[in-house]
Amino acid sequence: MGSTERREREQRMRRRHILAAARKVLAEKGIRGATMEEIAQEADYKPATLYLYFQSKDELLFSLSGSLLKGVTEEIQALADRTDLDALEKARRLPVILDRIYQLDPPVLLSLFRLQASQDFSRMSPEAMQALNDLAQTGIRAMARVFEEGVRRGVFKEHNSAAMADAVWSLFTGIVLWEESKRFFNPDKRFFRTTLEFALGLMTDSLVK
């Protein structure tokens, strides 16, 4: 192995190590409570080392959440493309997909949604912001295709499909934030899947002709 390949491998390993440390600190303290110094300490690096790879906590969060958003986008696109399910069946499967994504990494998803709610992206590069927005919009457009199909085939009432998809994403975001806030008072409360299925079920049922 040449020196360039060895250096690139070491950089990838160091980056993964930093992300693992960031995930742990974010899970304990959240995006606003965590500091780059604490993440560096958890990774056993100097803070300056972190800034060689990530310019801020928000950049770290983007790297952690990007794979989650990519996963949900790909799953929703695959669902929208299925020809063996009608639009109503596809809509009823959305909570399953969204719950699966949530269960993969609740602290990272929660931190991302809190950052979105605060609208404070000053520490995130324009490139990272654009990539994050592109992933979210791709997933929402895929959901819109499900509802558009339902309207076109006469399964759903006539509504704007983009607005329907936005409503689903808004419910998902709100339930994630609400579910995690409840745990502050009672850590044993875990009703995410039940609440999500109930809320999206009510919405879907209201659309059926």
N, C-alpha and C. Protein backbone atom coordinates (compact mmCIF):
# COMPACT_ATOMS: atom_id res chain seq x y z
N MET A 1 0.85 -1.20 0.00
CA MET A 1 0.00 0.00 0.00
C MET A 1 0.88 1.24 0.00
N GLY A 2 0.62 2.18 -0.93
CA GLY A 2 1.40 3.39 -1.02
C GLY A 2 1.07 4.36 0.10
N SER A 3 1.91 5.39 0.23
CA SER A 3 1.73 6.36 1.31
C SER A 3 0.42 7.13 1.15
N THR A 4 0.03 7.42 -0.10
CA THR A 4 -1.22 8.16 -0.33
C THR A 4 -2.42 7.33 0.10
N GLU A 5 -2.43 6.06 -0.28
CA GLU A 5 -3.54 5.17 0.11
C GLU A 5 -3.59 4.99 1.62
N ARG A 6 -2.42 4.87 2.24
CA ARG A 6 -2.38 4.71 3.69
C ARG A 6 -2.92 5.96 4.38
N ARG A 7 -2.56 7.12 3.87
CA ARG A 7 -3.02 8.37 4.46
C ARG A 7 -4.54 8.52 4.29
N GLU A 8 -5.05 8.17 3.13
CA GLU A 8 -6.49 8.26 2.90
C GLU A 8 -7.26 7.29 3.80
N ARG A 9 -6.71 6.10 3.99
CA ARG A 9 -7.36 5.13 4.88
C ARG A 9 -7.36 5.64 6.31
N GLU A 10 -6.26 6.20 6.74
CA GLU A 10 -6.18 6.75 8.10
C GLU A 10 -7.17 7.90 8.29
N GLN A 11 -7.32 8.71 7.26
CA GLN A 11 -8.27 9.83 7.34
C GLN A 11 -9.70 9.32 7.44
N ARG A 12 -10.02 8.29 6.67
CA ARG A 12 -11.37 7.72 6.75
C ARG A 12 -11.64 7.13 8.13
N MET A 13 -10.63 6.43 8.67
CA MET A 13 -10.78 5.83 10.00
C MET A 13 -10.94 6.91 11.07
N ARG A 14 -10.16 7.98 10.95
CA ARG A 14 -10.25 9.07 11.91
C ARG A 14 -11.62 9.75 11.83
N ARG A 15 -12.10 9.93 10.62
CA ARG A 15 -13.40 10.55 10.42
C ARG A 15 -14.51 9.69 11.05
N ARG A 16 -14.45 8.38 10.82
CA ARG A 16 -15.45 7.48 11.42
C ARG A 16 -15.38 7.51 12.94
N HIS A 17 -14.17 7.60 13.47
CA HIS A 17 -13.99 7.65 14.92
C HIS A 17 -14.59 8.93 15.49
N ILE A 18 -14.39 10.04 14.80
CA ILE A 18 -14.97 11.31 15.25
C ILE A 18 -16.49 11.24 15.21
N LEU A 19 -17.05 10.68 14.16
CA LEU A 19 -18.51 10.57 14.04
C LEU A 19 -19.10 9.68 15.14
N ALA A 20 -18.39 8.61 15.47
CA ALA A 20 -18.86 7.74 16.56
C ALA A 20 -18.86 8.49 17.89
N ALA A 21 -17.83 9.27 18.12
CA ALA A 21 -17.77 10.06 19.35
C ALA A 21 -18.86 11.12 19.36
N ALA A 22 -19.10 11.76 18.22
CA ALA A 22 -20.14 12.79 18.13
C ALA A 22 -21.51 12.19 18.39
N ARG A 23 -21.76 11.00 17.84
CA ARG A 23 -23.05 10.34 18.06
C ARG A 23 -23.29 10.10 19.55
N LYS A 24 -22.24 9.67 20.25
CA LYS A 24 -22.38 9.39 21.68
C LYS A 24 -22.64 10.67 22.47
N VAL A 25 -21.91 11.73 22.18
CA VAL A 25 -22.08 12.98 22.91
C VAL A 25 -23.44 13.61 22.59
N LEU A 26 -23.85 13.56 21.33
CA LEU A 26 -25.16 14.10 20.95
C LEU A 26 -26.29 13.35 21.65
N ALA A 27 -26.13 12.03 21.78
CA ALA A 27 -27.16 11.24 22.45
C ALA A 27 -27.29 11.64 23.91
N GLU A 28 -26.18 12.04 24.52
CA GLU A 28 -26.19 12.41 25.94
C GLU A 28 -26.62 13.85 26.17
N LYS A 29 -26.23 14.76 25.26
CA LYS A 29 -26.41 16.19 25.55
C LYS A 29 -27.20 16.96 24.51
N GLY A 30 -27.46 16.34 23.34
CA GLY A 30 -28.19 17.06 22.30
C GLY A 30 -27.29 17.99 21.53
N ILE A 31 -27.82 18.53 20.42
CA ILE A 31 -27.00 19.36 19.53
C ILE A 31 -26.56 20.65 20.21
N ARG A 32 -27.39 21.24 21.06
CA ARG A 32 -27.04 22.50 21.69
C ARG A 32 -26.20 22.29 22.96
N GLY A 33 -26.40 21.17 23.63
CA GLY A 33 -25.64 20.93 24.85
C GLY A 33 -24.24 20.43 24.60
N ALA A 34 -24.04 19.77 23.47
CA ALA A 34 -22.73 19.21 23.15
C ALA A 34 -21.79 20.31 22.67
N THR A 35 -20.51 20.10 22.89
CA THR A 35 -19.49 21.03 22.39
C THR A 35 -18.46 20.24 21.59
N MET A 36 -17.77 20.96 20.72
CA MET A 36 -16.71 20.32 19.94
C MET A 36 -15.60 19.82 20.86
N GLU A 37 -15.37 20.53 21.96
CA GLU A 37 -14.35 20.11 22.92
C GLU A 37 -14.72 18.77 23.55
N GLU A 38 -16.01 18.59 23.88
CA GLU A 38 -16.45 17.32 24.47
C GLU A 38 -16.36 16.19 23.46
N ILE A 39 -16.71 16.49 22.23
CA ILE A 39 -16.61 15.46 21.19
C ILE A 39 -15.15 15.08 20.97
N ALA A 40 -14.26 16.08 20.97
CA ALA A 40 -12.84 15.80 20.83
C ALA A 40 -12.32 14.95 21.98
N GLN A 41 -12.79 15.27 23.19
CA GLN A 41 -12.36 14.51 24.36
C GLN A 41 -12.84 13.07 24.26
N GLU A 42 -14.10 12.89 23.81
CA GLU A 42 -14.65 11.53 23.66
C GLU A 42 -13.87 10.75 22.61
N ALA A 43 -13.44 11.44 21.56
CA ALA A 43 -12.68 10.78 20.49
C ALA A 43 -11.20 10.63 20.83
N ASP A 44 -10.78 11.29 21.94
CA ASP A 44 -9.38 11.29 22.35
C ASP A 44 -8.49 11.99 21.32
N TYR A 45 -9.05 13.10 20.77
CA TYR A 45 -8.30 13.95 19.85
C TYR A 45 -8.26 15.37 20.42
N LYS A 46 -7.36 16.17 19.91
CA LYS A 46 -7.38 17.59 20.22
C LYS A 46 -8.48 18.25 19.40
N PRO A 47 -9.13 19.30 19.94
CA PRO A 47 -10.19 19.98 19.18
C PRO A 47 -9.74 20.41 17.79
N ALA A 48 -8.48 20.82 17.66
CA ALA A 48 -7.99 21.26 16.35
C ALA A 48 -8.10 20.14 15.31
N THR A 49 -7.96 18.89 15.76
CA THR A 49 -8.06 17.76 14.84
C THR A 49 -9.47 17.66 14.26
N LEU A 50 -10.48 17.90 15.12
CA LEU A 50 -11.86 17.83 14.64
C LEU A 50 -12.11 18.85 13.54
N TYR A 51 -11.55 20.04 13.71
CA TYR A 51 -11.81 21.11 12.74
C TYR A 51 -11.11 20.85 11.40
N LEU A 52 -10.21 19.89 11.35
CA LEU A 52 -9.63 19.50 10.07
C LEU A 52 -10.65 18.75 9.22
N TYR A 53 -11.65 18.15 9.89
CA TYR A 53 -12.64 17.32 9.21
C TYR A 53 -14.04 17.95 9.18
N PHE A 54 -14.38 18.69 10.22
CA PHE A 54 -15.71 19.29 10.34
C PHE A 54 -15.56 20.70 10.90
N GLN A 55 -16.18 21.68 10.26
CA GLN A 55 -15.99 23.05 10.71
C GLN A 55 -16.89 23.42 11.89
N SER A 56 -17.90 22.56 12.21
CA SER A 56 -18.80 22.88 13.31
C SER A 56 -19.56 21.63 13.74
N LYS A 57 -20.30 21.76 14.86
CA LYS A 57 -21.18 20.67 15.29
C LYS A 57 -22.24 20.40 14.23
N ASP A 58 -22.72 21.46 13.59
CA ASP A 58 -23.76 21.29 12.59
C ASP A 58 -23.25 20.46 11.41
N GLU A 59 -21.98 20.64 11.05
CA GLU A 59 -21.40 19.83 9.99
C GLU A 59 -21.32 18.37 10.42
N LEU A 60 -20.96 18.15 11.68
CA LEU A 60 -20.94 16.79 12.22
C LEU A 60 -22.34 16.17 12.15
N LEU A 61 -23.33 16.95 12.56
CA LEU A 61 -24.70 16.45 12.55
C LEU A 61 -25.15 16.13 11.13
N PHE A 62 -24.77 16.97 10.18
CA PHE A 62 -25.12 16.69 8.79
C PHE A 62 -24.54 15.35 8.34
N SER A 63 -23.29 15.10 8.68
CA SER A 63 -22.66 13.84 8.28
C SER A 63 -23.37 12.65 8.91
N LEU A 64 -23.81 12.80 10.16
CA LEU A 64 -24.50 11.71 10.84
C LEU A 64 -25.91 11.51 10.28
N SER A 65 -26.59 12.62 10.01
CA SER A 65 -27.99 12.52 9.59
C SER A 65 -28.14 12.27 8.10
N GLY A 66 -27.10 12.57 7.33
CA GLY A 66 -27.19 12.39 5.88
C GLY A 66 -27.54 10.97 5.49
N SER A 67 -26.91 9.99 6.15
CA SER A 67 -27.20 8.60 5.81
C SER A 67 -28.62 8.21 6.19
N LEU A 68 -29.13 8.80 7.29
CA LEU A 68 -30.52 8.52 7.68
C LEU A 68 -31.49 9.06 6.63
N LEU A 69 -31.29 10.31 6.22
CA LEU A 69 -32.18 10.90 5.22
C LEU A 69 -32.05 10.18 3.88
N LYS A 70 -30.85 9.77 3.53
CA LYS A 70 -30.65 9.03 2.29
C LYS A 70 -31.41 7.71 2.34
N GLY A 71 -31.37 7.06 3.52
CA GLY A 71 -32.08 5.79 3.67
C GLY A 71 -33.58 5.94 3.53
N VAL A 72 -34.15 6.95 4.19
CA VAL A 72 -35.60 7.13 4.13
C VAL A 72 -36.02 7.54 2.72
N THR A 73 -35.20 8.36 2.07
CA THR A 73 -35.51 8.77 0.70
C THR A 73 -35.54 7.58 -0.25
N GLU A 74 -34.53 6.73 -0.14
CA GLU A 74 -34.47 5.55 -1.02
C GLU A 74 -35.64 4.61 -0.77
N GLU A 75 -36.02 4.44 0.50
CA GLU A 75 -37.14 3.55 0.81
C GLU A 75 -38.46 4.10 0.29
N ILE A 76 -38.66 5.40 0.43
CA ILE A 76 -39.92 6.00 -0.04
C ILE A 76 -39.96 5.99 -1.57
N GLN A 77 -38.82 6.22 -2.22
CA GLN A 77 -38.79 6.14 -3.68
C GLN A 77 -39.13 4.73 -4.15
N ALA A 78 -38.56 3.72 -3.47
CA ALA A 78 -38.85 2.33 -3.83
C ALA A 78 -40.33 2.02 -3.63
N LEU A 79 -40.91 2.55 -2.55
CA LEU A 79 -42.34 2.34 -2.29
C LEU A 79 -43.18 2.99 -3.39
N ALA A 80 -42.84 4.22 -3.76
CA ALA A 80 -43.60 4.92 -4.80
C ALA A 80 -43.52 4.21 -6.14
N ASP A 81 -42.40 3.51 -6.40
CA ASP A 81 -42.20 2.83 -7.68
C ASP A 81 -42.88 1.47 -7.77
N ARG A 82 -43.35 0.93 -6.65
CA ARG A 82 -43.92 -0.41 -6.66
C ARG A 82 -45.21 -0.45 -7.49
N THR A 83 -45.32 -1.49 -8.28
CA THR A 83 -46.51 -1.65 -9.12
C THR A 83 -47.48 -2.69 -8.55
N ASP A 84 -47.06 -3.39 -7.50
CA ASP A 84 -47.92 -4.43 -6.93
C ASP A 84 -48.80 -3.90 -5.79
N LEU A 85 -48.68 -2.61 -5.47
CA LEU A 85 -49.47 -2.00 -4.42
C LEU A 85 -50.25 -0.82 -5.00
N ASP A 86 -51.48 -0.63 -4.52
CA ASP A 86 -52.20 0.57 -4.95
C ASP A 86 -51.79 1.74 -4.04
N ALA A 87 -52.26 2.94 -4.37
CA ALA A 87 -51.84 4.14 -3.66
C ALA A 87 -52.21 4.11 -2.19
N LEU A 88 -53.38 3.55 -1.86
CA LEU A 88 -53.79 3.49 -0.46
C LEU A 88 -52.87 2.57 0.33
N GLU A 89 -52.52 1.43 -0.24
CA GLU A 89 -51.60 0.51 0.44
C GLU A 89 -50.23 1.16 0.63
N LYS A 90 -49.78 1.90 -0.37
CA LYS A 90 -48.50 2.58 -0.25
C LYS A 90 -48.55 3.62 0.88
N ALA A 91 -49.62 4.40 0.92
CA ALA A 91 -49.75 5.43 1.95
C ALA A 91 -49.76 4.80 3.34
N ARG A 92 -50.40 3.64 3.46
CA ARG A 92 -50.46 2.98 4.77
C ARG A 92 -49.13 2.38 5.20
N ARG A 93 -48.20 2.24 4.27
CA ARG A 93 -46.87 1.72 4.61
C ARG A 93 -45.88 2.82 4.99
N LEU A 94 -46.24 4.06 4.78
CA LEU A 94 -45.33 5.16 5.11
C LEU A 94 -44.94 5.17 6.59
N PRO A 95 -45.89 4.95 7.54
CA PRO A 95 -45.47 4.94 8.95
C PRO A 95 -44.43 3.87 9.27
N VAL A 96 -44.51 2.74 8.59
CA VAL A 96 -43.54 1.65 8.82
C VAL A 96 -42.14 2.11 8.43
N ILE A 97 -42.04 2.75 7.26
CA ILE A 97 -40.74 3.24 6.79
C ILE A 97 -40.20 4.32 7.71
N LEU A 98 -41.04 5.28 8.07
CA LEU A 98 -40.60 6.39 8.91
C LEU A 98 -40.21 5.91 10.30
N ASP A 99 -40.94 4.95 10.83
CA ASP A 99 -40.58 4.40 12.15
C ASP A 99 -39.24 3.68 12.08
N ARG A 100 -39.01 2.95 11.00
CA ARG A 100 -37.75 2.21 10.88
C ARG A 100 -36.57 3.17 10.84
N ILE A 101 -36.71 4.29 10.14
CA ILE A 101 -35.65 5.29 10.09
C ILE A 101 -35.43 5.90 11.47
N TYR A 102 -36.51 6.21 12.16
CA TYR A 102 -36.41 6.78 13.51
C TYR A 102 -35.67 5.83 14.44
N GLN A 103 -36.00 4.55 14.39
CA GLN A 103 -35.40 3.59 15.30
C GLN A 103 -33.91 3.39 15.05
N LEU A 104 -33.42 3.72 13.86
CA LEU A 104 -32.00 3.55 13.56
C LEU A 104 -31.12 4.43 14.42
N ASP A 105 -31.55 5.68 14.66
CA ASP A 105 -30.71 6.60 15.43
C ASP A 105 -31.55 7.77 15.94
N PRO A 106 -32.39 7.56 16.98
CA PRO A 106 -33.26 8.63 17.48
C PRO A 106 -32.52 9.91 17.89
N PRO A 107 -31.39 9.84 18.60
CA PRO A 107 -30.73 11.09 19.01
C PRO A 107 -30.28 11.95 17.83
N VAL A 108 -29.76 11.33 16.79
CA VAL A 108 -29.30 12.10 15.62
C VAL A 108 -30.49 12.72 14.91
N LEU A 109 -31.56 11.95 14.72
CA LEU A 109 -32.74 12.48 14.05
C LEU A 109 -33.35 13.61 14.87
N LEU A 110 -33.41 13.43 16.18
CA LEU A 110 -33.93 14.48 17.05
C LEU A 110 -33.09 15.75 16.96
N SER A 111 -31.78 15.60 16.98
CA SER A 111 -30.89 16.76 16.88
C SER A 111 -31.08 17.49 15.56
N LEU A 112 -31.26 16.72 14.47
CA LEU A 112 -31.47 17.33 13.17
C LEU A 112 -32.77 18.13 13.16
N PHE A 113 -33.84 17.55 13.68
CA PHE A 113 -35.14 18.24 13.66
C PHE A 113 -35.13 19.46 14.58
N ARG A 114 -34.42 19.38 15.68
CA ARG A 114 -34.30 20.56 16.55
C ARG A 114 -33.53 21.67 15.85
N LEU A 115 -32.51 21.29 15.11
CA LEU A 115 -31.75 22.29 14.36
C LEU A 115 -32.63 22.93 13.29
N GLN A 116 -33.43 22.11 12.60
CA GLN A 116 -34.34 22.64 11.59
C GLN A 116 -35.36 23.58 12.22
N ALA A 117 -35.89 23.19 13.39
CA ALA A 117 -36.90 24.01 14.06
C ALA A 117 -36.32 25.36 14.48
N SER A 118 -35.06 25.38 14.89
CA SER A 118 -34.43 26.62 15.32
C SER A 118 -34.06 27.52 14.15
N GLN A 119 -33.94 26.90 12.94
CA GLN A 119 -33.55 27.62 11.73
C GLN A 119 -32.21 28.34 11.88
N ASP A 120 -31.36 27.79 12.74
CA ASP A 120 -30.04 28.38 12.93
C ASP A 120 -29.00 27.52 12.22
N PHE A 121 -28.78 27.82 10.94
CA PHE A 121 -27.83 27.05 10.15
C PHE A 121 -26.56 27.85 9.88
N SER A 122 -26.30 28.83 10.75
CA SER A 122 -25.17 29.73 10.50
C SER A 122 -23.83 29.03 10.54
N ARG A 123 -23.77 27.89 11.22
CA ARG A 123 -22.50 27.19 11.33
C ARG A 123 -22.39 26.03 10.34
N MET A 124 -23.32 25.95 9.41
CA MET A 124 -23.27 24.90 8.40
C MET A 124 -22.92 25.51 7.05
N SER A 125 -22.06 24.85 6.32
CA SER A 125 -21.65 25.38 5.02
C SER A 125 -22.82 25.38 4.04
N PRO A 126 -22.81 26.28 3.07
CA PRO A 126 -23.88 26.29 2.06
C PRO A 126 -23.98 24.96 1.33
N GLU A 127 -22.85 24.30 1.11
CA GLU A 127 -22.86 23.01 0.41
C GLU A 127 -23.58 21.95 1.24
N ALA A 128 -23.31 21.92 2.55
CA ALA A 128 -23.97 20.95 3.43
C ALA A 128 -25.46 21.24 3.52
N MET A 129 -25.82 22.51 3.64
CA MET A 129 -27.23 22.88 3.70
C MET A 129 -27.96 22.45 2.44
N GLN A 130 -27.33 22.68 1.28
CA GLN A 130 -27.97 22.31 0.02
C GLN A 130 -28.14 20.81 -0.09
N ALA A 131 -27.13 20.05 0.33
CA ALA A 131 -27.21 18.60 0.28
C ALA A 131 -28.31 18.08 1.21
N LEU A 132 -28.41 18.67 2.39
CA LEU A 132 -29.44 18.28 3.35
C LEU A 132 -30.83 18.57 2.79
N ASN A 133 -31.00 19.75 2.22
CA ASN A 133 -32.28 20.13 1.64
C ASN A 133 -32.64 19.24 0.45
N ASP A 134 -31.64 18.93 -0.37
CA ASP A 134 -31.90 18.07 -1.53
C ASP A 134 -32.41 16.69 -1.11
N LEU A 135 -31.79 16.12 -0.06
CA LEU A 135 -32.22 14.81 0.42
C LEU A 135 -33.66 14.86 0.92
N ALA A 136 -33.96 15.86 1.74
CA ALA A 136 -35.31 15.98 2.29
C ALA A 136 -36.34 16.19 1.18
N GLN A 137 -36.03 17.05 0.23
CA GLN A 137 -36.97 17.34 -0.84
C GLN A 137 -37.18 16.13 -1.76
N THR A 138 -36.14 15.35 -1.96
CA THR A 138 -36.28 14.14 -2.78
C THR A 138 -37.26 13.17 -2.12
N GLY A 139 -37.13 13.01 -0.80
CA GLY A 139 -38.05 12.12 -0.08
C GLY A 139 -39.48 12.64 -0.11
N ILE A 140 -39.65 13.94 0.06
CA ILE A 140 -40.99 14.53 0.05
C ILE A 140 -41.61 14.41 -1.33
N ARG A 141 -40.83 14.60 -2.38
CA ARG A 141 -41.35 14.44 -3.74
C ARG A 141 -41.78 13.00 -4.01
N ALA A 142 -41.03 12.04 -3.46
CA ALA A 142 -41.42 10.64 -3.63
C ALA A 142 -42.75 10.37 -2.93
N MET A 143 -42.94 10.93 -1.73
CA MET A 143 -44.22 10.78 -1.05
C MET A 143 -45.34 11.44 -1.86
N ALA A 144 -45.04 12.59 -2.44
CA ALA A 144 -46.05 13.30 -3.24
C ALA A 144 -46.50 12.43 -4.41
N ARG A 145 -45.57 11.64 -4.96
CA ARG A 145 -45.94 10.76 -6.08
C ARG A 145 -46.97 9.73 -5.65
N VAL A 146 -46.86 9.25 -4.41
CA VAL A 146 -47.84 8.29 -3.89
C VAL A 146 -49.22 8.92 -3.85
N PHE A 147 -49.31 10.13 -3.33
CA PHE A 147 -50.61 10.79 -3.22
C PHE A 147 -51.12 11.24 -4.59
N GLU A 148 -50.21 11.65 -5.46
CA GLU A 148 -50.61 12.04 -6.81
C GLU A 148 -51.23 10.85 -7.54
N GLU A 149 -50.63 9.67 -7.37
CA GLU A 149 -51.17 8.46 -7.98
C GLU A 149 -52.57 8.18 -7.44
N GLY A 150 -52.75 8.34 -6.12
CA GLY A 150 -54.05 8.09 -5.52
C GLY A 150 -55.12 9.03 -6.05
N VAL A 151 -54.77 10.30 -6.22
CA VAL A 151 -55.72 11.28 -6.78
C VAL A 151 -56.04 10.93 -8.23
N ARG A 152 -55.01 10.61 -8.99
CA ARG A 152 -55.19 10.31 -10.41
C ARG A 152 -56.07 9.08 -10.63
N ARG A 153 -55.94 8.10 -9.76
CA ARG A 153 -56.71 6.87 -9.91
C ARG A 153 -58.06 6.92 -9.19
N GLY A 154 -58.36 8.05 -8.58
CA GLY A 154 -59.65 8.19 -7.94
C GLY A 154 -59.75 7.56 -6.56
N VAL A 155 -58.60 7.22 -5.98
CA VAL A 155 -58.59 6.62 -4.63
C VAL A 155 -58.69 7.72 -3.58
N PHE A 156 -57.98 8.84 -3.81
CA PHE A 156 -57.96 9.95 -2.86
C PHE A 156 -58.75 11.13 -3.40
N LYS A 157 -59.24 11.95 -2.48
CA LYS A 157 -59.91 13.18 -2.85
C LYS A 157 -58.91 14.12 -3.52
N GLU A 158 -59.44 15.06 -4.28
CA GLU A 158 -58.60 16.00 -5.01
C GLU A 158 -57.93 16.97 -4.03
N HIS A 159 -56.62 16.84 -3.88
CA HIS A 159 -55.85 17.74 -3.05
C HIS A 159 -54.48 17.92 -3.70
N ASN A 160 -53.75 18.93 -3.28
CA ASN A 160 -52.40 19.13 -3.77
C ASN A 160 -51.50 18.05 -3.19
N SER A 161 -50.88 17.25 -4.06
CA SER A 161 -50.08 16.12 -3.59
C SER A 161 -48.86 16.57 -2.81
N ALA A 162 -48.26 17.70 -3.20
CA ALA A 162 -47.10 18.22 -2.47
C ALA A 162 -47.50 18.63 -1.06
N ALA A 163 -48.69 19.21 -0.91
CA ALA A 163 -49.17 19.60 0.42
C ALA A 163 -49.42 18.36 1.29
N MET A 164 -49.92 17.29 0.68
CA MET A 164 -50.13 16.04 1.42
C MET A 164 -48.81 15.50 1.93
N ALA A 165 -47.81 15.49 1.06
CA ALA A 165 -46.49 14.98 1.46
C ALA A 165 -45.88 15.85 2.54
N ASP A 166 -46.03 17.16 2.42
CA ASP A 166 -45.53 18.07 3.46
C ASP A 166 -46.22 17.78 4.79
N ALA A 167 -47.51 17.48 4.74
CA ALA A 167 -48.25 17.17 5.97
C ALA A 167 -47.71 15.91 6.64
N VAL A 168 -47.40 14.90 5.84
CA VAL A 168 -46.82 13.67 6.39
C VAL A 168 -45.49 13.96 7.06
N TRP A 169 -44.62 14.70 6.37
CA TRP A 169 -43.29 15.00 6.94
C TRP A 169 -43.42 15.86 8.18
N SER A 170 -44.37 16.80 8.18
CA SER A 170 -44.59 17.65 9.35
C SER A 170 -45.05 16.82 10.55
N LEU A 171 -45.94 15.88 10.30
CA LEU A 171 -46.40 15.00 11.39
C LEU A 171 -45.24 14.17 11.93
N PHE A 172 -44.46 13.63 11.02
CA PHE A 172 -43.30 12.82 11.42
C PHE A 172 -42.34 13.64 12.28
N THR A 173 -41.99 14.83 11.80
CA THR A 173 -41.08 15.70 12.55
C THR A 173 -41.65 16.05 13.92
N GLY A 174 -42.92 16.44 13.95
CA GLY A 174 -43.54 16.83 15.22
C GLY A 174 -43.62 15.70 16.22
N ILE A 175 -43.92 14.50 15.72
CA ILE A 175 -44.03 13.35 16.63
C ILE A 175 -42.67 12.95 17.18
N VAL A 176 -41.62 13.05 16.36
CA VAL A 176 -40.27 12.79 16.86
C VAL A 176 -39.93 13.76 18.00
N LEU A 177 -40.18 15.04 17.78
CA LEU A 177 -39.88 16.04 18.80
C LEU A 177 -40.73 15.83 20.05
N TRP A 178 -42.01 15.54 19.86
CA TRP A 178 -42.90 15.33 21.00
C TRP A 178 -42.54 14.07 21.78
N GLU A 179 -42.25 12.99 21.07
CA GLU A 179 -41.90 11.73 21.73
C GLU A 179 -40.67 11.89 22.61
N GLU A 180 -39.67 12.58 22.10
CA GLU A 180 -38.44 12.75 22.88
C GLU A 180 -38.64 13.72 24.04
N SER A 181 -39.50 14.72 23.87
CA SER A 181 -39.73 15.66 24.97
C SER A 181 -40.46 14.97 26.12
N LYS A 182 -41.31 14.00 25.82
CA LYS A 182 -42.03 13.27 26.87
C LYS A 182 -41.07 12.48 27.76
N ARG A 183 -39.98 12.02 27.17
CA ARG A 183 -39.05 11.20 27.94
C ARG A 183 -38.32 12.00 29.01
N PHE A 184 -38.35 13.32 28.89
CA PHE A 184 -37.77 14.15 29.93
C PHE A 184 -38.51 13.95 31.25
N PHE A 185 -39.82 13.73 31.13
CA PHE A 185 -40.65 13.52 32.31
C PHE A 185 -40.80 12.05 32.66
N ASN A 186 -40.82 11.19 31.65
CA ASN A 186 -40.97 9.76 31.89
C ASN A 186 -40.18 8.99 30.84
N PRO A 187 -38.96 8.55 31.17
CA PRO A 187 -38.11 7.85 30.20
C PRO A 187 -38.71 6.55 29.68
N ASP A 188 -39.70 6.01 30.39
CA ASP A 188 -40.29 4.73 29.98
C ASP A 188 -41.36 4.88 28.91
N LYS A 189 -41.76 6.10 28.60
CA LYS A 189 -42.81 6.31 27.59
C LYS A 189 -42.22 6.11 26.20
N ARG A 190 -42.76 5.13 25.49
CA ARG A 190 -42.28 4.83 24.15
C ARG A 190 -43.49 4.50 23.27
N PHE A 191 -44.11 5.54 22.75
CA PHE A 191 -45.32 5.36 21.95
C PHE A 191 -45.14 5.90 20.53
N PHE A 192 -43.90 5.97 20.07
CA PHE A 192 -43.66 6.62 18.78
C PHE A 192 -44.42 5.93 17.65
N ARG A 193 -44.22 4.63 17.49
CA ARG A 193 -44.85 3.90 16.37
C ARG A 193 -46.37 3.99 16.46
N THR A 194 -46.92 3.83 17.66
CA THR A 194 -48.37 3.89 17.84
C THR A 194 -48.91 5.28 17.47
N THR A 195 -48.24 6.31 17.95
CA THR A 195 -48.68 7.68 17.67
C THR A 195 -48.56 8.00 16.18
N LEU A 196 -47.46 7.58 15.57
CA LEU A 196 -47.25 7.85 14.15
C LEU A 196 -48.30 7.15 13.30
N GLU A 197 -48.57 5.88 13.58
CA GLU A 197 -49.56 5.15 12.81
C GLU A 197 -50.95 5.75 12.99
N PHE A 198 -51.27 6.17 14.20
CA PHE A 198 -52.58 6.78 14.46
C PHE A 198 -52.74 8.09 13.69
N ALA A 199 -51.71 8.96 13.77
CA ALA A 199 -51.80 10.27 13.13
C ALA A 199 -51.86 10.15 11.60
N LEU A 200 -50.97 9.34 11.03
CA LEU A 200 -50.96 9.20 9.58
C LEU A 200 -52.17 8.40 9.10
N GLY A 201 -52.67 7.49 9.96
CA GLY A 201 -53.88 6.75 9.61
C GLY A 201 -55.08 7.67 9.51
N LEU A 202 -55.20 8.60 10.47
CA LEU A 202 -56.29 9.57 10.42
C LEU A 202 -56.21 10.42 9.15
N MET A 203 -54.99 10.84 8.82
CA MET A 203 -54.81 11.67 7.63
C MET A 203 -55.18 10.89 6.38
N THR A 204 -54.68 9.66 6.27
CA THR A 204 -54.95 8.86 5.07
C THR A 204 -56.43 8.57 4.93
N ASP A 205 -57.08 8.19 6.04
CA ASP A 205 -58.52 7.90 6.00
C ASP A 205 -59.33 9.11 5.56
N SER A 206 -58.87 10.30 5.95
CA SER A 206 -59.60 11.51 5.57
C SER A 206 -59.49 11.83 4.10
N LEU A 207 -58.49 11.23 3.43
CA LEU A 207 -58.28 11.49 2.01
C LEU A 207 -59.06 10.53 1.12
N VAL A 208 -59.43 9.37 1.67
CA VAL A 208 -60.08 8.34 0.85
C VAL A 208 -61.47 8.80 0.42
N LYS A 209 -61.79 8.57 -0.84
CA LYS A 209 -63.11 8.96 -1.35
C LYS A 209 -64.20 8.04 -0.80
